[in-house]
Amino acid sequence: MTDHVLSAFGLVLAMGAPANGNASPWVQLVPFALVLGIFYFIILLPMQRRQKKVQQFLADLKVGDRVVTTSGIHGQITKLGEKTVQLQIADKVRIDIAKAAIGGMQGQDPVSPEMTGAQQ
């Protein structure tokens, strides 16, 4: 059994060997470049777009907006700071949270990537 596995392993190694010793190193880089290109278009580009969308959403927040945090707290914005937001979550109950913890507007799909993963 092990002889069969070893011979199959040797066959796989022989298949990867170049036919001649004069193969260009540039040809060997083509698969690597393809993998990097696929990685960029499938992972990095959508992540950058999502990040820009979240940053635009946070920049457009204003007092009076009804929002949902990434932890599920619903409230109305009463004060905006540079990095914090004050939410009124009940009568005479206000909390300060990080602006990055805002997940979306009430009644709409979440903007924050953290919330989209949590709700699925």
PDB file of N, CA and C in Angstrom:
ATOM      1  N   MET A   1       0.832  -1.200   0.000  1.00  0.00           N
ATOM      2  CA  MET A   1       0.000   0.000   0.000  1.00  0.00           C
ATOM      3  C   MET A   1       0.867   1.251   0.000  1.00  0.00           C
ATOM      4  N   THR A   2       1.884   1.280   0.870  1.00  0.00           N
ATOM      5  CA  THR A   2       2.748   2.453   0.923  1.00  0.00           C
ATOM      6  C   THR A   2       3.566   2.603  -0.342  1.00  0.00           C
ATOM      7  N   ASP A   3       3.926   1.486  -0.990  1.00  0.00           N
ATOM      8  CA  ASP A   3       4.663   1.572  -2.254  1.00  0.00           C
ATOM      9  C   ASP A   3       3.813   2.244  -3.315  1.00  0.00           C
ATOM     10  N   HIS A   4       2.530   1.939  -3.301  1.00  0.00           N
ATOM     11  CA  HIS A   4       1.614   2.538  -4.283  1.00  0.00           C
ATOM     12  C   HIS A   4       1.486   4.050  -4.046  1.00  0.00           C
ATOM     13  N   VAL A   5       1.389   4.447  -2.784  1.00  0.00           N
ATOM     14  CA  VAL A   5       1.283   5.867  -2.448  1.00  0.00           C
ATOM     15  C   VAL A   5       2.566   6.593  -2.809  1.00  0.00           C
ATOM     16  N   LEU A   6       3.706   5.996  -2.510  1.00  0.00           N
ATOM     17  CA  LEU A   6       4.978   6.621  -2.830  1.00  0.00           C
ATOM     18  C   LEU A   6       5.183   6.747  -4.332  1.00  0.00           C
ATOM     19  N   SER A   7       4.768   5.737  -5.091  1.00  0.00           N
ATOM     20  CA  SER A   7       4.921   5.836  -6.547  1.00  0.00           C
ATOM     21  C   SER A   7       3.979   6.900  -7.106  1.00  0.00           C
ATOM     22  N   ALA A   8       2.787   7.038  -6.545  1.00  0.00           N
ATOM     23  CA  ALA A   8       1.866   8.094  -6.982  1.00  0.00           C
ATOM     24  C   ALA A   8       2.435   9.459  -6.633  1.00  0.00           C
ATOM     25  N   PHE A   9       3.066   9.570  -5.468  1.00  0.00           N
ATOM     26  CA  PHE A   9       3.678  10.833  -5.064  1.00  0.00           C
ATOM     27  C   PHE A   9       4.829  11.193  -6.007  1.00  0.00           C
ATOM     28  N   GLY A  10       5.634  10.204  -6.378  1.00  0.00           N
ATOM     29  CA  GLY A  10       6.722  10.421  -7.320  1.00  0.00           C
ATOM     30  C   GLY A  10       6.208  10.837  -8.680  1.00  0.00           C
ATOM     31  N   LEU A  11       5.082  10.291  -9.097  1.00  0.00           N
ATOM     32  CA  LEU A  11       4.473  10.658 -10.374  1.00  0.00           C
ATOM     33  C   LEU A  11       4.021  12.116 -10.352  1.00  0.00           C
ATOM     34  N   VAL A  12       3.442  12.537  -9.251  1.00  0.00           N
ATOM     35  CA  VAL A  12       3.008  13.930  -9.120  1.00  0.00           C
ATOM     36  C   VAL A  12       4.212  14.858  -9.162  1.00  0.00           C
ATOM     37  N   LEU A  13       5.284  14.512  -8.494  1.00  0.00           N
ATOM     38  CA  LEU A  13       6.496  15.328  -8.524  1.00  0.00           C
ATOM     39  C   LEU A  13       7.085  15.386  -9.928  1.00  0.00           C
ATOM     40  N   ALA A  14       7.052  14.285 -10.642  1.00  0.00           N
ATOM     41  CA  ALA A  14       7.585  14.259 -12.004  1.00  0.00           C
ATOM     42  C   ALA A  14       6.755  15.117 -12.934  1.00  0.00           C
ATOM     43  N   MET A  15       5.462  15.217 -12.684  1.00  0.00           N
ATOM     44  CA  MET A  15       4.587  16.038 -13.525  1.00  0.00           C
ATOM     45  C   MET A  15       4.908  17.518 -13.354  1.00  0.00           C
ATOM     46  N   GLY A  16       5.396  17.904 -12.196  1.00  0.00           N
ATOM     47  CA  GLY A  16       5.702  19.303 -11.942  1.00  0.00           C
ATOM     48  C   GLY A  16       7.074  19.718 -12.440  1.00  0.00           C
ATOM     49  N   ALA A  17       7.884  18.768 -12.851  1.00  0.00           N
ATOM     50  CA  ALA A  17       9.231  19.094 -13.310  1.00  0.00           C
ATOM     51  C   ALA A  17       9.165  19.714 -14.703  1.00  0.00           C
ATOM     52  N   PRO A  18       9.989  20.743 -14.980  1.00  0.00           N
ATOM     53  CA  PRO A  18       9.978  21.353 -16.306  1.00  0.00           C
ATOM     54  C   PRO A  18      10.528  20.390 -17.349  1.00  0.00           C
ATOM     55  N   ALA A  19      10.025  20.511 -18.578  1.00  0.00           N
ATOM     56  CA  ALA A  19      10.456  19.627 -19.664  1.00  0.00           C
ATOM     57  C   ALA A  19      11.904  19.901 -20.032  1.00  0.00           C
ATOM     58  N   ASN A  20      12.300  21.159 -20.049  1.00  0.00           N
ATOM     59  CA  ASN A  20      13.696  21.491 -20.333  1.00  0.00           C
ATOM     60  C   ASN A  20      14.210  22.424 -19.245  1.00  0.00           C
ATOM     61  N   GLY A  21      15.484  22.516 -19.124  1.00  0.00           N
ATOM     62  CA  GLY A  21      16.070  23.327 -18.069  1.00  0.00           C
ATOM     63  C   GLY A  21      16.136  24.800 -18.411  1.00  0.00           C
ATOM     64  N   ASN A  22      15.671  25.217 -19.586  1.00  0.00           N
ATOM     65  CA  ASN A  22      15.774  26.608 -20.015  1.00  0.00           C
ATOM     66  C   ASN A  22      14.467  27.378 -19.845  1.00  0.00           C
ATOM     67  N   ALA A  23      13.593  26.950 -18.948  1.00  0.00           N
ATOM     68  CA  ALA A  23      12.313  27.637 -18.742  1.00  0.00           C
ATOM     69  C   ALA A  23      12.583  29.017 -18.145  1.00  0.00           C
ATOM     70  N   SER A  24      11.890  30.007 -18.676  1.00  0.00           N
ATOM     71  CA  SER A  24      12.074  31.381 -18.223  1.00  0.00           C
ATOM     72  C   SER A  24      11.505  31.570 -16.818  1.00  0.00           C
ATOM     73  N   PRO A  25      12.211  32.310 -15.972  1.00  0.00           N
ATOM     74  CA  PRO A  25      11.662  32.571 -14.629  1.00  0.00           C
ATOM     75  C   PRO A  25      10.387  33.411 -14.684  1.00  0.00           C
ATOM     76  N   TRP A  26      10.201  34.173 -15.748  1.00  0.00           N
ATOM     77  CA  TRP A  26       8.982  34.983 -15.880  1.00  0.00           C
ATOM     78  C   TRP A  26       7.760  34.094 -16.055  1.00  0.00           C
ATOM     79  N   VAL A  27       7.917  32.979 -16.712  1.00  0.00           N
ATOM     80  CA  VAL A  27       6.805  32.049 -16.908  1.00  0.00           C
ATOM     81  C   VAL A  27       6.380  31.462 -15.563  1.00  0.00           C
ATOM     82  N   GLN A  28       7.329  31.276 -14.677  1.00  0.00           N
ATOM     83  CA  GLN A  28       7.013  30.736 -13.358  1.00  0.00           C
ATOM     84  C   GLN A  28       6.268  31.752 -12.496  1.00  0.00           C
ATOM     85  N   LEU A  29       6.410  33.030 -12.798  1.00  0.00           N
ATOM     86  CA  LEU A  29       5.730  34.063 -12.014  1.00  0.00           C
ATOM     87  C   LEU A  29       4.290  34.294 -12.450  1.00  0.00           C
ATOM     88  N   VAL A  30       3.913  33.803 -13.623  1.00  0.00           N
ATOM     89  CA  VAL A  30       2.556  34.020 -14.132  1.00  0.00           C
ATOM     90  C   VAL A  30       1.493  33.449 -13.185  1.00  0.00           C
ATOM     91  N   PRO A  31       1.605  32.204 -12.719  1.00  0.00           N
ATOM     92  CA  PRO A  31       0.578  31.705 -11.785  1.00  0.00           C
ATOM     93  C   PRO A  31       0.514  32.520 -10.491  1.00  0.00           C
ATOM     94  N   PHE A  32       1.670  32.940 -10.008  1.00  0.00           N
ATOM     95  CA  PHE A  32       1.701  33.754  -8.791  1.00  0.00           C
ATOM     96  C   PHE A  32       0.982  35.081  -9.007  1.00  0.00           C
ATOM     97  N   ALA A  33       1.220  35.706 -10.166  1.00  0.00           N
ATOM     98  CA  ALA A  33       0.548  36.972 -10.484  1.00  0.00           C
ATOM     99  C   ALA A  33      -0.955  36.763 -10.626  1.00  0.00           C
ATOM    100  N   LEU A  34      -1.366  35.651 -11.203  1.00  0.00           N
ATOM    101  CA  LEU A  34      -2.794  35.360 -11.326  1.00  0.00           C
ATOM    102  C   LEU A  34      -3.449  35.205  -9.953  1.00  0.00           C
ATOM    103  N   VAL A  35      -2.778  34.525  -9.052  1.00  0.00           N
ATOM    104  CA  VAL A  35      -3.317  34.348  -7.696  1.00  0.00           C
ATOM    105  C   VAL A  35      -3.442  35.698  -7.003  1.00  0.00           C
ATOM    106  N   LEU A  36      -2.434  36.547  -7.140  1.00  0.00           N
ATOM    107  CA  LEU A  36      -2.498  37.877  -6.531  1.00  0.00           C
ATOM    108  C   LEU A  36      -3.635  38.708  -7.132  1.00  0.00           C
ATOM    109  N   GLY A  37      -3.813  38.628  -8.443  1.00  0.00           N
ATOM    110  CA  GLY A  37      -4.905  39.359  -9.090  1.00  0.00           C
ATOM    111  C   GLY A  37      -6.263  38.894  -8.617  1.00  0.00           C
ATOM    112  N   ILE A  38      -6.442  37.592  -8.524  1.00  0.00           N
ATOM    113  CA  ILE A  38      -7.715  37.038  -8.042  1.00  0.00           C
ATOM    114  C   ILE A  38      -7.951  37.458  -6.592  1.00  0.00           C
ATOM    115  N   PHE A  39      -6.915  37.393  -5.777  1.00  0.00           N
ATOM    116  CA  PHE A  39      -7.022  37.808  -4.375  1.00  0.00           C
ATOM    117  C   PHE A  39      -7.464  39.265  -4.272  1.00  0.00           C
ATOM    118  N   TYR A  40      -6.874  40.122  -5.103  1.00  0.00           N
ATOM    119  CA  TYR A  40      -7.214  41.544  -5.068  1.00  0.00           C
ATOM    120  C   TYR A  40      -8.675  41.766  -5.444  1.00  0.00           C
ATOM    121  N   PHE A  41      -9.121  41.183  -6.537  1.00  0.00           N
ATOM    122  CA  PHE A  41     -10.478  41.445  -7.022  1.00  0.00           C
ATOM    123  C   PHE A  41     -11.556  40.749  -6.206  1.00  0.00           C
ATOM    124  N   ILE A  42     -11.245  39.635  -5.566  1.00  0.00           N
ATOM    125  CA  ILE A  42     -12.264  38.914  -4.800  1.00  0.00           C
ATOM    126  C   ILE A  42     -12.307  39.356  -3.339  1.00  0.00           C
ATOM    127  N   ILE A  43     -11.162  39.730  -2.783  1.00  0.00           N
ATOM    128  CA  ILE A  43     -11.135  40.039  -1.349  1.00  0.00           C
ATOM    129  C   ILE A  43     -10.884  41.518  -1.065  1.00  0.00           C
ATOM    130  N   LEU A  44      -9.810  42.062  -1.577  1.00  0.00           N
ATOM    131  CA  LEU A  44      -9.411  43.418  -1.194  1.00  0.00           C
ATOM    132  C   LEU A  44     -10.323  44.507  -1.759  1.00  0.00           C
ATOM    133  N   LEU A  45     -10.685  44.440  -3.024  1.00  0.00           N
ATOM    134  CA  LEU A  45     -11.505  45.486  -3.636  1.00  0.00           C
ATOM    135  C   LEU A  45     -12.886  45.595  -2.982  1.00  0.00           C
ATOM    136  N   PRO A  46     -13.622  44.483  -2.780  1.00  0.00           N
ATOM    137  CA  PRO A  46     -14.912  44.613  -2.084  1.00  0.00           C
ATOM    138  C   PRO A  46     -14.776  45.125  -0.655  1.00  0.00           C
ATOM    139  N   MET A  47     -13.687  44.754   0.025  1.00  0.00           N
ATOM    140  CA  MET A  47     -13.481  45.221   1.390  1.00  0.00           C
ATOM    141  C   MET A  47     -13.255  46.734   1.411  1.00  0.00           C
ATOM    142  N   GLN A  48     -12.500  47.247   0.454  1.00  0.00           N
ATOM    143  CA  GLN A  48     -12.274  48.690   0.377  1.00  0.00           C
ATOM    144  C   GLN A  48     -13.568  49.428   0.069  1.00  0.00           C
ATOM    145  N   ARG A  49     -14.380  48.896  -0.813  1.00  0.00           N
ATOM    146  CA  ARG A  49     -15.673  49.530  -1.137  1.00  0.00           C
ATOM    147  C   ARG A  49     -16.587  49.571   0.083  1.00  0.00           C
ATOM    148  N   ARG A  50     -16.639  48.455   0.821  1.00  0.00           N
ATOM    149  CA  ARG A  50     -17.483  48.394   2.015  1.00  0.00           C
ATOM    150  C   ARG A  50     -16.997  49.389   3.061  1.00  0.00           C
ATOM    151  N   GLN A  51     -15.679  49.506   3.195  1.00  0.00           N
ATOM    152  CA  GLN A  51     -15.103  50.438   4.169  1.00  0.00           C
ATOM    153  C   GLN A  51     -15.446  51.886   3.814  1.00  0.00           C
ATOM    154  N   LYS A  52     -15.382  52.239   2.535  1.00  0.00           N
ATOM    155  CA  LYS A  52     -15.741  53.587   2.103  1.00  0.00           C
ATOM    156  C   LYS A  52     -17.225  53.862   2.359  1.00  0.00           C
ATOM    157  N   LYS A  53     -18.063  52.859   2.132  1.00  0.00           N
ATOM    158  CA  LYS A  53     -19.499  53.014   2.363  1.00  0.00           C
ATOM    159  C   LYS A  53     -19.787  53.278   3.845  1.00  0.00           C
ATOM    160  N   VAL A  54     -19.108  52.547   4.723  1.00  0.00           N
ATOM    161  CA  VAL A  54     -19.297  52.729   6.166  1.00  0.00           C
ATOM    162  C   VAL A  54     -18.793  54.105   6.597  1.00  0.00           C
ATOM    163  N   GLN A  55     -17.633  54.523   6.087  1.00  0.00           N
ATOM    164  CA  GLN A  55     -17.097  55.839   6.443  1.00  0.00           C
ATOM    165  C   GLN A  55     -18.017  56.959   5.975  1.00  0.00           C
ATOM    166  N   GLN A  56     -18.597  56.818   4.786  1.00  0.00           N
ATOM    167  CA  GLN A  56     -19.526  57.828   4.272  1.00  0.00           C
ATOM    168  C   GLN A  56     -20.791  57.873   5.132  1.00  0.00           C
ATOM    169  N   PHE A  57     -21.281  56.699   5.524  1.00  0.00           N
ATOM    170  CA  PHE A  57     -22.460  56.632   6.381  1.00  0.00           C
ATOM    171  C   PHE A  57     -22.208  57.345   7.706  1.00  0.00           C
ATOM    172  N   LEU A  58     -21.062  57.081   8.329  1.00  0.00           N
ATOM    173  CA  LEU A  58     -20.747  57.703   9.618  1.00  0.00           C
ATOM    174  C   LEU A  58     -20.553  59.213   9.476  1.00  0.00           C
ATOM    175  N   ALA A  59     -20.015  59.653   8.353  1.00  0.00           N
ATOM    176  CA  ALA A  59     -19.820  61.091   8.139  1.00  0.00           C
ATOM    177  C   ALA A  59     -21.153  61.805   7.918  1.00  0.00           C
ATOM    178  N   ASP A  60     -22.156  61.099   7.393  1.00  0.00           N
ATOM    179  CA  ASP A  60     -23.459  61.701   7.095  1.00  0.00           C
ATOM    180  C   ASP A  60     -24.432  61.681   8.273  1.00  0.00           C
ATOM    181  N   LEU A  61     -24.043  61.121   9.413  1.00  0.00           N
ATOM    182  CA  LEU A  61     -24.939  61.092  10.578  1.00  0.00           C
ATOM    183  C   LEU A  61     -25.232  62.508  11.050  1.00  0.00           C
ATOM    184  N   LYS A  62     -26.475  62.697  11.530  1.00  0.00           N
ATOM    185  CA  LYS A  62     -26.858  64.011  12.052  1.00  0.00           C
ATOM    186  C   LYS A  62     -27.766  63.825  13.260  1.00  0.00           C
ATOM    187  N   VAL A  63     -27.894  64.888  14.040  1.00  0.00           N
ATOM    188  CA  VAL A  63     -28.739  64.858  15.231  1.00  0.00           C
ATOM    189  C   VAL A  63     -30.180  64.597  14.798  1.00  0.00           C
ATOM    190  N   GLY A  64     -30.837  63.683  15.501  1.00  0.00           N
ATOM    191  CA  GLY A  64     -32.220  63.331  15.195  1.00  0.00           C
ATOM    192  C   GLY A  64     -32.348  62.023  14.429  1.00  0.00           C
ATOM    193  N   ASP A  65     -31.263  61.503  13.870  1.00  0.00           N
ATOM    194  CA  ASP A  65     -31.316  60.217  13.162  1.00  0.00           C
ATOM    195  C   ASP A  65     -31.604  59.099  14.148  1.00  0.00           C
ATOM    196  N   ARG A  66     -32.449  58.174  13.721  1.00  0.00           N
ATOM    197  CA  ARG A  66     -32.742  57.001  14.532  1.00  0.00           C
ATOM    198  C   ARG A  66     -31.861  55.863  14.013  1.00  0.00           C
ATOM    199  N   VAL A  67     -31.006  55.344  14.905  1.00  0.00           N
ATOM    200  CA  VAL A  67     -29.994  54.383  14.494  1.00  0.00           C
ATOM    201  C   VAL A  67     -30.041  53.120  15.348  1.00  0.00           C
ATOM    202  N   VAL A  68     -29.326  52.100  14.867  1.00  0.00           N
ATOM    203  CA  VAL A  68     -29.136  50.844  15.594  1.00  0.00           C
ATOM    204  C   VAL A  68     -27.641  50.626  15.719  1.00  0.00           C
ATOM    205  N   THR A  69     -27.190  50.279  16.915  1.00  0.00           N
ATOM    206  CA  THR A  69     -25.766  50.019  17.107  1.00  0.00           C
ATOM    207  C   THR A  69     -25.440  48.585  16.686  1.00  0.00           C
ATOM    208  N   THR A  70     -24.163  48.291  16.593  1.00  0.00           N
ATOM    209  CA  THR A  70     -23.756  46.935  16.227  1.00  0.00           C
ATOM    210  C   THR A  70     -24.123  45.920  17.308  1.00  0.00           C
ATOM    211  N   SER A  71     -24.355  46.390  18.526  1.00  0.00           N
ATOM    212  CA  SER A  71     -24.776  45.483  19.600  1.00  0.00           C
ATOM    213  C   SER A  71     -26.294  45.374  19.709  1.00  0.00           C
ATOM    214  N   GLY A  72     -27.030  46.090  18.841  1.00  0.00           N
ATOM    215  CA  GLY A  72     -28.485  45.959  18.803  1.00  0.00           C
ATOM    216  C   GLY A  72     -29.254  46.998  19.585  1.00  0.00           C
ATOM    217  N   ILE A  73     -28.610  48.033  20.091  1.00  0.00           N
ATOM    218  CA  ILE A  73     -29.296  49.083  20.845  1.00  0.00           C
ATOM    219  C   ILE A  73     -29.901  50.076  19.856  1.00  0.00           C
ATOM    220  N   HIS A  74     -31.189  50.340  20.018  1.00  0.00           N
ATOM    221  CA  HIS A  74     -31.900  51.310  19.178  1.00  0.00           C
ATOM    222  C   HIS A  74     -31.964  52.639  19.908  1.00  0.00           C
ATOM    223  N   GLY A  75     -31.763  53.722  19.178  1.00  0.00           N
ATOM    224  CA  GLY A  75     -31.846  55.023  19.806  1.00  0.00           C
ATOM    225  C   GLY A  75     -31.826  56.146  18.794  1.00  0.00           C
ATOM    226  N   GLN A  76     -31.998  57.360  19.328  1.00  0.00           N
ATOM    227  CA  GLN A  76     -31.994  58.563  18.505  1.00  0.00           C
ATOM    228  C   GLN A  76     -30.776  59.405  18.879  1.00  0.00           C
ATOM    229  N   ILE A  77     -30.071  59.890  17.856  1.00  0.00           N
ATOM    230  CA  ILE A  77     -28.861  60.682  18.094  1.00  0.00           C
ATOM    231  C   ILE A  77     -29.257  62.045  18.673  1.00  0.00           C
ATOM    232  N   THR A  78     -28.653  62.387  19.832  1.00  0.00           N
ATOM    233  CA  THR A  78     -28.918  63.688  20.434  1.00  0.00           C
ATOM    234  C   THR A  78     -27.700  64.601  20.384  1.00  0.00           C
ATOM    235  N   LYS A  79     -26.506  64.018  20.242  1.00  0.00           N
ATOM    236  CA  LYS A  79     -25.289  64.821  20.174  1.00  0.00           C
ATOM    237  C   LYS A  79     -24.229  64.050  19.406  1.00  0.00           C
ATOM    238  N   LEU A  80     -23.531  64.762  18.520  1.00  0.00           N
ATOM    239  CA  LEU A  80     -22.454  64.158  17.729  1.00  0.00           C
ATOM    240  C   LEU A  80     -21.121  64.745  18.151  1.00  0.00           C
ATOM    241  N   GLY A  81     -20.149  63.890  18.362  1.00  0.00           N
ATOM    242  CA  GLY A  81     -18.788  64.327  18.647  1.00  0.00           C
ATOM    243  C   GLY A  81     -17.867  63.848  17.547  1.00  0.00           C
ATOM    244  N   GLU A  82     -16.585  64.089  17.734  1.00  0.00           N
ATOM    245  CA  GLU A  82     -15.597  63.655  16.738  1.00  0.00           C
ATOM    246  C   GLU A  82     -15.587  62.134  16.605  1.00  0.00           C
ATOM    247  N   LYS A  83     -15.524  61.444  17.758  1.00  0.00           N
ATOM    248  CA  LYS A  83     -15.465  59.984  17.744  1.00  0.00           C
ATOM    249  C   LYS A  83     -16.591  59.329  18.530  1.00  0.00           C
ATOM    250  N   THR A  84     -17.431  60.134  19.163  1.00  0.00           N
ATOM    251  CA  THR A  84     -18.515  59.572  19.968  1.00  0.00           C
ATOM    252  C   THR A  84     -19.857  60.130  19.528  1.00  0.00           C
ATOM    253  N   VAL A  85     -20.899  59.408  19.912  1.00  0.00           N
ATOM    254  CA  VAL A  85     -22.278  59.798  19.619  1.00  0.00           C
ATOM    255  C   VAL A  85     -23.067  59.598  20.907  1.00  0.00           C
ATOM    256  N   GLN A  86     -23.973  60.544  21.185  1.00  0.00           N
ATOM    257  CA  GLN A  86     -24.855  60.376  22.332  1.00  0.00           C
ATOM    258  C   GLN A  86     -26.212  59.935  21.805  1.00  0.00           C
ATOM    259  N   LEU A  87     -26.697  58.793  22.326  1.00  0.00           N
ATOM    260  CA  LEU A  87     -27.989  58.253  21.915  1.00  0.00           C
ATOM    261  C   LEU A  87     -28.985  58.360  23.047  1.00  0.00           C
ATOM    262  N   GLN A  88     -30.200  58.727  22.697  1.00  0.00           N
ATOM    263  CA  GLN A  88     -31.296  58.667  23.661  1.00  0.00           C
ATOM    264  C   GLN A  88     -32.017  57.357  23.384  1.00  0.00           C
ATOM    265  N   ILE A  89     -31.974  56.438  24.370  1.00  0.00           N
ATOM    266  CA  ILE A  89     -32.557  55.124  24.168  1.00  0.00           C
ATOM    267  C   ILE A  89     -33.902  54.965  24.881  1.00  0.00           C
ATOM    268  N   ALA A  90     -34.227  55.889  25.763  1.00  0.00           N
ATOM    269  CA  ALA A  90     -35.523  55.919  26.451  1.00  0.00           C
ATOM    270  C   ALA A  90     -35.692  57.329  27.003  1.00  0.00           C
ATOM    271  N   ASP A  91     -36.853  57.619  27.580  1.00  0.00           N
ATOM    272  CA  ASP A  91     -37.060  58.935  28.174  1.00  0.00           C
ATOM    273  C   ASP A  91     -36.017  59.165  29.263  1.00  0.00           C
ATOM    274  N   LYS A  92     -35.301  60.263  29.164  1.00  0.00           N
ATOM    275  CA  LYS A  92     -34.287  60.677  30.134  1.00  0.00           C
ATOM    276  C   LYS A  92     -33.146  59.666  30.287  1.00  0.00           C
ATOM    277  N   VAL A  93     -32.949  58.817  29.286  1.00  0.00           N
ATOM    278  CA  VAL A  93     -31.839  57.859  29.319  1.00  0.00           C
ATOM    279  C   VAL A  93     -30.985  58.085  28.075  1.00  0.00           C
ATOM    280  N   ARG A  94     -29.763  58.571  28.310  1.00  0.00           N
ATOM    281  CA  ARG A  94     -28.844  58.840  27.208  1.00  0.00           C
ATOM    282  C   ARG A  94     -27.535  58.117  27.469  1.00  0.00           C
ATOM    283  N   ILE A  95     -26.970  57.581  26.410  1.00  0.00           N
ATOM    284  CA  ILE A  95     -25.693  56.895  26.536  1.00  0.00           C
ATOM    285  C   ILE A  95     -24.720  57.440  25.487  1.00  0.00           C
ATOM    286  N   ASP A  96     -23.457  57.445  25.850  1.00  0.00           N
ATOM    287  CA  ASP A  96     -22.403  57.824  24.909  1.00  0.00           C
ATOM    288  C   ASP A  96     -21.779  56.548  24.365  1.00  0.00           C
ATOM    289  N   ILE A  97     -21.671  56.464  23.051  1.00  0.00           N
ATOM    290  CA  ILE A  97     -21.062  55.302  22.420  1.00  0.00           C
ATOM    291  C   ILE A  97     -20.057  55.774  21.371  1.00  0.00           C
ATOM    292  N   ALA A  98     -19.215  54.877  20.933  1.00  0.00           N
ATOM    293  CA  ALA A  98     -18.271  55.182  19.859  1.00  0.00           C
ATOM    294  C   ALA A  98     -19.048  55.298  18.550  1.00  0.00           C
ATOM    295  N   LYS A  99     -18.640  56.250  17.735  1.00  0.00           N
ATOM    296  CA  LYS A  99     -19.305  56.456  16.452  1.00  0.00           C
ATOM    297  C   LYS A  99     -19.194  55.200  15.576  1.00  0.00           C
ATOM    298  N   ALA A 100     -18.097  54.488  15.699  1.00  0.00           N
ATOM    299  CA  ALA A 100     -17.896  53.271  14.910  1.00  0.00           C
ATOM    300  C   ALA A 100     -18.863  52.155  15.303  1.00  0.00           C
ATOM    301  N   ALA A 101     -19.539  52.279  16.453  1.00  0.00           N
ATOM    302  CA  ALA A 101     -20.478  51.256  16.897  1.00  0.00           C
ATOM    303  C   ALA A 101     -21.858  51.420  16.272  1.00  0.00           C
ATOM    304  N   ILE A 102     -22.066  52.462  15.477  1.00  0.00           N
ATOM    305  CA  ILE A 102     -23.344  52.632  14.789  1.00  0.00           C
ATOM    306  C   ILE A 102     -23.372  51.671  13.607  1.00  0.00           C
ATOM    307  N   GLY A 103     -24.373  50.809  13.573  1.00  0.00           N
ATOM    308  CA  GLY A 103     -24.454  49.792  12.530  1.00  0.00           C
ATOM    309  C   GLY A 103     -25.321  50.178  11.366  1.00  0.00           C
ATOM    310  N   GLY A 104     -26.300  51.039  11.572  1.00  0.00           N
ATOM    311  CA  GLY A 104     -27.189  51.430  10.487  1.00  0.00           C
ATOM    312  C   GLY A 104     -28.358  52.232  11.007  1.00  0.00           C
ATOM    313  N   MET A 105     -29.218  52.616  10.087  1.00  0.00           N
ATOM    314  CA  MET A 105     -30.427  53.356  10.442  1.00  0.00           C
ATOM    315  C   MET A 105     -31.521  52.361  10.820  1.00  0.00           C
ATOM    316  N   GLN A 106     -32.420  52.775  11.710  1.00  0.00           N
ATOM    317  CA  GLN A 106     -33.517  51.901  12.093  1.00  0.00           C
ATOM    318  C   GLN A 106     -34.417  51.660  10.888  1.00  0.00           C
ATOM    319  N   GLY A 107     -34.803  50.411  10.679  1.00  0.00           N
ATOM    320  CA  GLY A 107     -35.698  50.057   9.589  1.00  0.00           C
ATOM    321  C   GLY A 107     -35.004  49.849   8.252  1.00  0.00           C
ATOM    322  N   GLN A 108     -33.690  49.985   8.206  1.00  0.00           N
ATOM    323  CA  GLN A 108     -32.948  49.768   6.963  1.00  0.00           C
ATOM    324  C   GLN A 108     -31.922  48.659   7.173  1.00  0.00           C
ATOM    325  N   ASP A 109     -31.366  48.190   6.068  1.00  0.00           N
ATOM    326  CA  ASP A 109     -30.319  47.179   6.160  1.00  0.00           C
ATOM    327  C   ASP A 109     -29.090  47.769   6.838  1.00  0.00           C
ATOM    328  N   PRO A 110     -28.363  46.963   7.598  1.00  0.00           N
ATOM    329  CA  PRO A 110     -27.161  47.459   8.278  1.00  0.00           C
ATOM    330  C   PRO A 110     -26.081  47.868   7.288  1.00  0.00           C
ATOM    331  N   VAL A 111     -25.335  48.887   7.652  1.00  0.00           N
ATOM    332  CA  VAL A 111     -24.233  49.370   6.823  1.00  0.00           C
ATOM    333  C   VAL A 111     -22.931  48.762   7.297  1.00  0.00           C
ATOM    334  N   SER A 112     -22.806  48.580   8.589  1.00  0.00           N
ATOM    335  CA  SER A 112     -21.565  48.096   9.182  1.00  0.00           C
ATOM    336  C   SER A 112     -21.358  46.620   8.866  1.00  0.00           C
ATOM    337  N   PRO A 113     -20.149  46.227   8.449  1.00  0.00           N
ATOM    338  CA  PRO A 113     -19.876  44.825   8.151  1.00  0.00           C
ATOM    339  C   PRO A 113     -20.016  43.917   9.365  1.00  0.00           C
ATOM    340  N   GLU A 114     -19.794  44.436  10.576  1.00  0.00           N
ATOM    341  CA  GLU A 114     -19.920  43.619  11.767  1.00  0.00           C
ATOM    342  C   GLU A 114     -21.372  43.167  11.956  1.00  0.00           C
ATOM    343  N   MET A 115     -22.315  44.072  11.657  1.00  0.00           N
ATOM    344  CA  MET A 115     -23.717  43.718  11.850  1.00  0.00           C
ATOM    345  C   MET A 115     -24.198  42.761  10.787  1.00  0.00           C
ATOM    346  N   THR A 116     -23.734  42.869   9.553  1.00  0.00           N
ATOM    347  CA  THR A 116     -24.200  41.973   8.516  1.00  0.00           C
ATOM    348  C   THR A 116     -23.800  40.534   8.833  1.00  0.00           C
ATOM    349  N   GLY A 117     -22.626  40.346   9.405  1.00  0.00           N
ATOM    350  CA  GLY A 117     -22.207  38.993   9.781  1.00  0.00           C
ATOM    351  C   GLY A 117     -22.988  38.474  10.964  1.00  0.00           C
ATOM    352  N   ALA A 118     -23.368  39.362  11.892  1.00  0.00           N
ATOM    353  CA  ALA A 118     -24.067  38.940  13.099  1.00  0.00           C
ATOM    354  C   ALA A 118     -25.518  38.557  12.823  1.00  0.00           C
ATOM    355  N   GLN A 119     -26.126  39.143  11.811  1.00  0.00           N
ATOM    356  CA  GLN A 119     -27.540  38.883  11.576  1.00  0.00           C
ATOM    357  C   GLN A 119     -27.784  37.682  10.687  1.00  0.00           C
ATOM    358  N   GLN A 120     -26.776  37.138  10.058  1.00  0.00           N
ATOM    359  CA  GLN A 120     -26.990  36.006   9.153  1.00  0.00           C
ATOM    360  C   GLN A 120     -27.008  34.704   9.857  1.00  0.00           C
TER     361      GLN A 120
END
